[in-house]
PDB file of all heavy atoms in Angstrom:
ATOM      1  N   GLN A   1       6.672  15.967  -0.601  1.00  0.00           N
ATOM      2  CA  GLN A   1       7.187  16.910  -1.580  1.00  0.00           C
ATOM      3  C   GLN A   1       7.102  16.279  -2.972  1.00  0.00           C
ATOM      4  O   GLN A   1       7.256  15.079  -3.130  1.00  0.00           O
ATOM      5  CB  GLN A   1       8.629  17.276  -1.232  1.00  0.00           C
ATOM      6  CG  GLN A   1       8.762  18.004   0.105  1.00  0.00           C
ATOM      7  CD  GLN A   1      10.171  18.430   0.390  1.00  0.00           C
ATOM      8  OE1 GLN A   1      10.904  18.846  -0.501  1.00  0.00           O
ATOM      9  NE2 GLN A   1      10.588  18.339   1.642  1.00  0.00           N
ATOM     10  N   PRO A   2       6.822  17.080  -3.990  1.00  0.00           N
ATOM     11  CA  PRO A   2       6.649  16.532  -5.342  1.00  0.00           C
ATOM     12  C   PRO A   2       7.960  15.967  -5.902  1.00  0.00           C
ATOM     13  O   PRO A   2       9.045  16.434  -5.521  1.00  0.00           O
ATOM     14  CB  PRO A   2       6.177  17.749  -6.146  1.00  0.00           C
ATOM     15  CG  PRO A   2       6.654  18.941  -5.386  1.00  0.00           C
ATOM     16  CD  PRO A   2       6.621  18.540  -3.933  1.00  0.00           C
ATOM     17  N   PRO A   3       7.811  14.953  -6.768  1.00  0.00           N
ATOM     18  CA  PRO A   3       6.576  14.296  -7.202  1.00  0.00           C
ATOM     19  C   PRO A   3       6.051  13.333  -6.131  1.00  0.00           C
ATOM     20  O   PRO A   3       6.802  12.481  -5.654  1.00  0.00           O
ATOM     21  CB  PRO A   3       7.010  13.535  -8.459  1.00  0.00           C
ATOM     22  CG  PRO A   3       8.474  13.276  -8.270  1.00  0.00           C
ATOM     23  CD  PRO A   3       9.015  14.446  -7.494  1.00  0.00           C
ATOM     24  N   ASP A   4       4.796  13.513  -5.760  1.00  0.00           N
ATOM     25  CA  ASP A   4       4.181  12.746  -4.674  1.00  0.00           C
ATOM     26  C   ASP A   4       3.654  11.430  -5.234  1.00  0.00           C
ATOM     27  O   ASP A   4       2.476  11.286  -5.546  1.00  0.00           O
ATOM     28  CB  ASP A   4       3.061  13.562  -4.045  1.00  0.00           C
ATOM     29  CG  ASP A   4       2.571  12.962  -2.734  1.00  0.00           C
ATOM     30  OD1 ASP A   4       2.925  11.798  -2.454  1.00  0.00           O
ATOM     31  OD2 ASP A   4       1.836  13.648  -2.008  1.00  0.00           O
ATOM     32  N   CYS A   5       4.547  10.446  -5.349  1.00  0.00           N
ATOM     33  CA  CYS A   5       4.187   9.195  -6.015  1.00  0.00           C
ATOM     34  C   CYS A   5       3.133   8.410  -5.241  1.00  0.00           C
ATOM     35  O   CYS A   5       2.267   7.759  -5.832  1.00  0.00           O
ATOM     36  CB  CYS A   5       5.423   8.335  -6.238  1.00  0.00           C
ATOM     37  SG  CYS A   5       6.311   7.913  -4.724  1.00  0.00           S
ATOM     38  N   MET A   6       3.186   8.456  -3.902  1.00  0.00           N
ATOM     39  CA  MET A   6       2.203   7.688  -3.133  1.00  0.00           C
ATOM     40  C   MET A   6       0.798   8.238  -3.332  1.00  0.00           C
ATOM     41  O   MET A   6      -0.171   7.473  -3.382  1.00  0.00           O
ATOM     42  CB  MET A   6       2.567   7.693  -1.654  1.00  0.00           C
ATOM     43  CG  MET A   6       3.617   6.668  -1.280  1.00  0.00           C
ATOM     44  SD  MET A   6       3.164   4.955  -1.718  1.00  0.00           S
ATOM     45  CE  MET A   6       1.586   4.789  -0.903  1.00  0.00           C
ATOM     46  N   ALA A   7       0.669   9.534  -3.461  1.00  0.00           N
ATOM     47  CA  ALA A   7      -0.647  10.103  -3.748  1.00  0.00           C
ATOM     48  C   ALA A   7      -1.140   9.630  -5.106  1.00  0.00           C
ATOM     49  O   ALA A   7      -2.326   9.285  -5.270  1.00  0.00           O
ATOM     50  CB  ALA A   7      -0.586  11.626  -3.695  1.00  0.00           C
ATOM     51  N   GLN A   8      -0.251   9.588  -6.083  1.00  0.00           N
ATOM     52  CA  GLN A   8      -0.626   9.115  -7.413  1.00  0.00           C
ATOM     53  C   GLN A   8      -1.107   7.671  -7.354  1.00  0.00           C
ATOM     54  O   GLN A   8      -2.131   7.313  -7.942  1.00  0.00           O
ATOM     55  CB  GLN A   8       0.560   9.227  -8.363  1.00  0.00           C
ATOM     56  CG  GLN A   8       1.058  10.645  -8.604  1.00  0.00           C
ATOM     57  CD  GLN A   8       2.327  10.648  -9.435  1.00  0.00           C
ATOM     58  OE1 GLN A   8       2.443   9.916 -10.418  1.00  0.00           O
ATOM     59  NE2 GLN A   8       3.295  11.466  -9.049  1.00  0.00           N
ATOM     60  N   VAL A   9      -0.367   6.833  -6.646  1.00  0.00           N
ATOM     61  CA  VAL A   9      -0.718   5.412  -6.550  1.00  0.00           C
ATOM     62  C   VAL A   9      -2.039   5.235  -5.824  1.00  0.00           C
ATOM     63  O   VAL A   9      -2.935   4.518  -6.295  1.00  0.00           O
ATOM     64  CB  VAL A   9       0.407   4.645  -5.822  1.00  0.00           C
ATOM     65  CG1 VAL A   9      -0.059   3.239  -5.449  1.00  0.00           C
ATOM     66  CG2 VAL A   9       1.656   4.580  -6.686  1.00  0.00           C
ATOM     67  N   ALA A  10      -2.192   5.872  -4.670  1.00  0.00           N
ATOM     68  CA  ALA A  10      -3.398   5.680  -3.861  1.00  0.00           C
ATOM     69  C   ALA A  10      -4.650   6.131  -4.599  1.00  0.00           C
ATOM     70  O   ALA A  10      -5.718   5.520  -4.468  1.00  0.00           O
ATOM     71  CB  ALA A  10      -3.255   6.434  -2.541  1.00  0.00           C
ATOM     72  N   LYS A  11      -4.537   7.193  -5.382  1.00  0.00           N
ATOM     73  CA  LYS A  11      -5.713   7.707  -6.081  1.00  0.00           C
ATOM     74  C   LYS A  11      -6.105   6.850  -7.273  1.00  0.00           C
ATOM     75  O   LYS A  11      -7.231   6.950  -7.772  1.00  0.00           O
ATOM     76  CB  LYS A  11      -5.455   9.155  -6.515  1.00  0.00           C
ATOM     77  CG  LYS A  11      -5.425  10.125  -5.336  1.00  0.00           C
ATOM     78  CD  LYS A  11      -5.029  11.532  -5.761  1.00  0.00           C
ATOM     79  CE  LYS A  11      -4.973  12.454  -4.554  1.00  0.00           C
ATOM     80  NZ  LYS A  11      -4.536  13.832  -4.908  1.00  0.00           N
ATOM     81  N   LYS A  12      -5.192   6.000  -7.737  1.00  0.00           N
ATOM     82  CA  LYS A  12      -5.513   5.127  -8.866  1.00  0.00           C
ATOM     83  C   LYS A  12      -6.165   3.825  -8.423  1.00  0.00           C
ATOM     84  O   LYS A  12      -6.701   3.083  -9.253  1.00  0.00           O
ATOM     85  CB  LYS A  12      -4.239   4.808  -9.655  1.00  0.00           C
ATOM     86  CG  LYS A  12      -3.708   5.986 -10.461  1.00  0.00           C
ATOM     87  CD  LYS A  12      -2.447   5.595 -11.217  1.00  0.00           C
ATOM     88  CE  LYS A  12      -1.936   6.755 -12.060  1.00  0.00           C
ATOM     89  NZ  LYS A  12      -0.694   6.391 -12.798  1.00  0.00           N
ATOM     90  N   LEU A  13      -6.102   3.519  -7.135  1.00  0.00           N
ATOM     91  CA  LEU A  13      -6.656   2.275  -6.620  1.00  0.00           C
ATOM     92  C   LEU A  13      -7.989   2.515  -5.939  1.00  0.00           C
ATOM     93  O   LEU A  13      -8.258   3.590  -5.409  1.00  0.00           O
ATOM     94  CB  LEU A  13      -5.676   1.645  -5.628  1.00  0.00           C
ATOM     95  CG  LEU A  13      -4.338   1.184  -6.202  1.00  0.00           C
ATOM     96  CD1 LEU A  13      -3.429   0.700  -5.078  1.00  0.00           C
ATOM     97  CD2 LEU A  13      -4.539   0.075  -7.227  1.00  0.00           C
ATOM     98  N   THR A  14      -8.811   1.492  -5.945  1.00  0.00           N
ATOM     99  CA  THR A  14     -10.100   1.589  -5.256  1.00  0.00           C
ATOM    100  C   THR A  14      -9.888   1.460  -3.754  1.00  0.00           C
ATOM    101  O   THR A  14      -8.836   0.991  -3.287  1.00  0.00           O
ATOM    102  CB  THR A  14     -11.036   0.470  -5.722  1.00  0.00           C
ATOM    103  OG1 THR A  14     -10.494  -0.793  -5.299  1.00  0.00           O
ATOM    104  CG2 THR A  14     -11.213   0.481  -7.225  1.00  0.00           C
ATOM    105  N   ALA A  15     -10.899   1.840  -2.998  1.00  0.00           N
ATOM    106  CA  ALA A  15     -10.828   1.682  -1.546  1.00  0.00           C
ATOM    107  C   ALA A  15     -10.665   0.210  -1.175  1.00  0.00           C
ATOM    108  O   ALA A  15      -9.952  -0.127  -0.214  1.00  0.00           O
ATOM    109  CB  ALA A  15     -12.082   2.269  -0.902  1.00  0.00           C
ATOM    110  N   GLU A  16     -11.296  -0.667  -1.934  1.00  0.00           N
ATOM    111  CA  GLU A  16     -11.178  -2.105  -1.678  1.00  0.00           C
ATOM    112  C   GLU A  16      -9.743  -2.581  -1.906  1.00  0.00           C
ATOM    113  O   GLU A  16      -9.238  -3.431  -1.158  1.00  0.00           O
ATOM    114  CB  GLU A  16     -12.137  -2.882  -2.565  1.00  0.00           C
ATOM    115  CG  GLU A  16     -13.608  -2.707  -2.224  1.00  0.00           C
ATOM    116  CD  GLU A  16     -14.172  -1.367  -2.701  1.00  0.00           C
ATOM    117  OE1 GLU A  16     -13.520  -0.706  -3.559  1.00  0.00           O
ATOM    118  OE2 GLU A  16     -15.252  -0.984  -2.220  1.00  0.00           O
ATOM    119  N   ASP A  17      -9.086  -2.040  -2.929  1.00  0.00           N
ATOM    120  CA  ASP A  17      -7.704  -2.418  -3.193  1.00  0.00           C
ATOM    121  C   ASP A  17      -6.776  -1.949  -2.073  1.00  0.00           C
ATOM    122  O   ASP A  17      -5.852  -2.662  -1.664  1.00  0.00           O
ATOM    123  CB  ASP A  17      -7.234  -1.834  -4.524  1.00  0.00           C
ATOM    124  CG  ASP A  17      -7.711  -2.651  -5.718  1.00  0.00           C
ATOM    125  OD1 ASP A  17      -8.114  -3.818  -5.520  1.00  0.00           O
ATOM    126  OD2 ASP A  17      -7.662  -2.119  -6.848  1.00  0.00           O
ATOM    127  N   LEU A  18      -7.002  -0.751  -1.579  1.00  0.00           N
ATOM    128  CA  LEU A  18      -6.185  -0.255  -0.476  1.00  0.00           C
ATOM    129  C   LEU A  18      -6.354  -1.133   0.755  1.00  0.00           C
ATOM    130  O   LEU A  18      -5.381  -1.449   1.456  1.00  0.00           O
ATOM    131  CB  LEU A  18      -6.554   1.194  -0.151  1.00  0.00           C
ATOM    132  CG  LEU A  18      -6.325   2.228  -1.255  1.00  0.00           C
ATOM    133  CD1 LEU A  18      -6.652   3.622  -0.761  1.00  0.00           C
ATOM    134  CD2 LEU A  18      -4.898   2.178  -1.769  1.00  0.00           C
ATOM    135  N   THR A  19      -7.588  -1.550   1.021  1.00  0.00           N
ATOM    136  CA  THR A  19      -7.852  -2.427   2.158  1.00  0.00           C
ATOM    137  C   THR A  19      -7.163  -3.771   1.978  1.00  0.00           C
ATOM    138  O   THR A  19      -6.593  -4.327   2.924  1.00  0.00           O
ATOM    139  CB  THR A  19      -9.368  -2.632   2.321  1.00  0.00           C
ATOM    140  OG1 THR A  19      -9.982  -1.366   2.606  1.00  0.00           O
ATOM    141  CG2 THR A  19      -9.677  -3.601   3.451  1.00  0.00           C
ATOM    142  N   ALA A  20      -7.200  -4.294   0.760  1.00  0.00           N
ATOM    143  CA  ALA A  20      -6.565  -5.584   0.488  1.00  0.00           C
ATOM    144  C   ALA A  20      -5.056  -5.499   0.674  1.00  0.00           C
ATOM    145  O   ALA A  20      -4.428  -6.395   1.267  1.00  0.00           O
ATOM    146  CB  ALA A  20      -6.901  -6.036  -0.933  1.00  0.00           C
ATOM    147  N   ALA A  21      -4.446  -4.436   0.163  1.00  0.00           N
ATOM    148  CA  ALA A  21      -3.002  -4.280   0.305  1.00  0.00           C
ATOM    149  C   ALA A  21      -2.611  -4.171   1.770  1.00  0.00           C
ATOM    150  O   ALA A  21      -1.628  -4.795   2.216  1.00  0.00           O
ATOM    151  CB  ALA A  21      -2.534  -3.046  -0.463  1.00  0.00           C
ATOM    152  N   ALA A  22      -3.360  -3.398   2.547  1.00  0.00           N
ATOM    153  CA  ALA A  22      -3.059  -3.239   3.970  1.00  0.00           C
ATOM    154  C   ALA A  22      -3.208  -4.567   4.707  1.00  0.00           C
ATOM    155  O   ALA A  22      -2.401  -4.903   5.587  1.00  0.00           O
ATOM    156  CB  ALA A  22      -3.962  -2.177   4.586  1.00  0.00           C
ATOM    157  N   ALA A  23      -4.229  -5.345   4.370  1.00  0.00           N
ATOM    158  CA  ALA A  23      -4.450  -6.631   5.034  1.00  0.00           C
ATOM    159  C   ALA A  23      -3.306  -7.594   4.753  1.00  0.00           C
ATOM    160  O   ALA A  23      -2.819  -8.286   5.664  1.00  0.00           O
ATOM    161  CB  ALA A  23      -5.778  -7.229   4.577  1.00  0.00           C
ATOM    162  N   TRP A  24      -2.852  -7.636   3.504  1.00  0.00           N
ATOM    163  CA  TRP A  24      -1.772  -8.566   3.166  1.00  0.00           C
ATOM    164  C   TRP A  24      -0.452  -8.134   3.800  1.00  0.00           C
ATOM    165  O   TRP A  24       0.255  -8.949   4.407  1.00  0.00           O
ATOM    166  CB  TRP A  24      -1.614  -8.676   1.648  1.00  0.00           C
ATOM    167  CG  TRP A  24      -0.633  -9.738   1.259  1.00  0.00           C
ATOM    168  CD1 TRP A  24      -0.870 -11.086   1.154  1.00  0.00           C
ATOM    169  CD2 TRP A  24       0.763  -9.542   0.960  1.00  0.00           C
ATOM    170  NE1 TRP A  24       0.292 -11.740   0.803  1.00  0.00           N
ATOM    171  CE2 TRP A  24       1.312 -10.822   0.678  1.00  0.00           C
ATOM    172  CE3 TRP A  24       1.586  -8.421   0.892  1.00  0.00           C
ATOM    173  CZ2 TRP A  24       2.644 -11.010   0.338  1.00  0.00           C
ATOM    174  CZ3 TRP A  24       2.926  -8.598   0.562  1.00  0.00           C
ATOM    175  CH2 TRP A  24       3.443  -9.879   0.285  1.00  0.00           C
ATOM    176  N   LEU A  25      -0.118  -6.858   3.658  1.00  0.00           N
ATOM    177  CA  LEU A  25       1.151  -6.371   4.195  1.00  0.00           C
ATOM    178  C   LEU A  25       1.242  -6.567   5.705  1.00  0.00           C
ATOM    179  O   LEU A  25       2.284  -6.992   6.223  1.00  0.00           O
ATOM    180  CB  LEU A  25       1.331  -4.888   3.854  1.00  0.00           C
ATOM    181  CG  LEU A  25       1.601  -4.555   2.390  1.00  0.00           C
ATOM    182  CD1 LEU A  25       1.425  -3.060   2.141  1.00  0.00           C
ATOM    183  CD2 LEU A  25       2.997  -5.010   1.971  1.00  0.00           C
ATOM    184  N   SER A  26       0.173  -6.264   6.410  1.00  0.00           N
ATOM    185  CA  SER A  26       0.210  -6.329   7.872  1.00  0.00           C
ATOM    186  C   SER A  26       0.245  -7.751   8.400  1.00  0.00           C
ATOM    187  O   SER A  26       0.584  -7.968   9.570  1.00  0.00           O
ATOM    188  CB  SER A  26      -0.995  -5.594   8.464  1.00  0.00           C
ATOM    189  OG  SER A  26      -2.208  -6.222   8.068  1.00  0.00           O
ATOM    190  N   SER A  27      -0.083  -8.733   7.574  1.00  0.00           N
ATOM    191  CA  SER A  27      -0.126 -10.127   8.032  1.00  0.00           C
ATOM    192  C   SER A  27       1.115 -10.922   7.651  1.00  0.00           C
ATOM    193  O   SER A  27       1.216 -12.110   7.977  1.00  0.00           O
ATOM    194  CB  SER A  27      -1.370 -10.820   7.457  1.00  0.00           C
ATOM    195  OG  SER A  27      -1.313 -10.894   6.042  1.00  0.00           O
ATOM    196  N   GLN A  28       2.085 -10.284   6.983  1.00  0.00           N
ATOM    197  CA  GLN A  28       3.265 -11.010   6.517  1.00  0.00           C
ATOM    198  C   GLN A  28       4.352 -11.073   7.592  1.00  0.00           C
ATOM    199  O   GLN A  28       4.597 -10.092   8.296  1.00  0.00           O
ATOM    200  CB  GLN A  28       3.831 -10.349   5.262  1.00  0.00           C
ATOM    201  CG  GLN A  28       2.882 -10.349   4.092  1.00  0.00           C
ATOM    202  CD  GLN A  28       2.312 -11.727   3.818  1.00  0.00           C
ATOM    203  OE1 GLN A  28       3.047 -12.662   3.474  1.00  0.00           O
ATOM    204  NE2 GLN A  28       1.002 -11.871   3.984  1.00  0.00           N
ATOM    205  N   PRO A  29       5.002 -12.222   7.715  1.00  0.00           N
ATOM    206  CA  PRO A  29       6.116 -12.324   8.662  1.00  0.00           C
ATOM    207  C   PRO A  29       7.318 -11.515   8.184  1.00  0.00           C
ATOM    208  O   PRO A  29       7.501 -11.302   6.983  1.00  0.00           O
ATOM    209  CB  PRO A  29       6.433 -13.824   8.674  1.00  0.00           C
ATOM    210  CG  PRO A  29       5.969 -14.308   7.328  1.00  0.00           C
ATOM    211  CD  PRO A  29       4.764 -13.478   6.988  1.00  0.00           C
ATOM    212  N   LEU A  30       8.117 -11.087   9.114  1.00  0.00           N
ATOM    213  CA  LEU A  30       9.338 -10.349   8.782  1.00  0.00           C
ATOM    214  C   LEU A  30      10.434 -11.324   8.357  1.00  0.00           C
ATOM    215  O   LEU A  30      10.538 -12.418   8.908  1.00  0.00           O
ATOM    216  CB  LEU A  30       9.823  -9.536   9.978  1.00  0.00           C
ATOM    217  CG  LEU A  30       9.251  -8.138  10.229  1.00  0.00           C
ATOM    218  CD1 LEU A  30       9.636  -7.198   9.108  1.00  0.00           C
ATOM    219  CD2 LEU A  30       7.767  -8.175  10.431  1.00  0.00           C
ATOM    220  N   PRO A  31      11.263 -10.949   7.391  1.00  0.00           N
ATOM    221  CA  PRO A  31      12.405 -11.798   7.038  1.00  0.00           C
ATOM    222  C   PRO A  31      13.449 -11.779   8.148  1.00  0.00           C
ATOM    223  O   PRO A  31      13.381 -10.964   9.075  1.00  0.00           O
ATOM    224  CB  PRO A  31      12.935 -11.146   5.762  1.00  0.00           C
ATOM    225  CG  PRO A  31      12.543  -9.720   5.889  1.00  0.00           C
ATOM    226  CD  PRO A  31      11.215  -9.719   6.591  1.00  0.00           C
ATOM    227  N   ALA A  32      14.408 -12.677   8.047  1.00  0.00           N
ATOM    228  CA  ALA A  32      15.463 -12.734   9.062  1.00  0.00           C
ATOM    229  C   ALA A  32      16.221 -11.409   9.142  1.00  0.00           C
ATOM    230  O   ALA A  32      16.563 -10.942  10.229  1.00  0.00           O
ATOM    231  CB  ALA A  32      16.418 -13.886   8.762  1.00  0.00           C
ATOM    232  N   ASP A  33      16.483 -10.807   7.998  1.00  0.00           N
ATOM    233  CA  ASP A  33      17.158  -9.510   7.952  1.00  0.00           C
ATOM    234  C   ASP A  33      16.107  -8.442   7.722  1.00  0.00           C
ATOM    235  O   ASP A  33      15.544  -8.333   6.641  1.00  0.00           O
ATOM    236  CB  ASP A  33      18.191  -9.485   6.825  1.00  0.00           C
ATOM    237  CG  ASP A  33      18.933  -8.155   6.749  1.00  0.00           C
ATOM    238  OD1 ASP A  33      18.717  -7.294   7.629  1.00  0.00           O
ATOM    239  OD2 ASP A  33      19.735  -7.979   5.811  1.00  0.00           O
TER     240      ASP A  33
END
């Protein structure tokens, strides 16, 4: 539902940037909490 901030962010980044963000996020350990 608007304002759709994630759509705004994703459209401003290149496909390579999206891939890089996904690679980093998915490889990070979880904090204790």
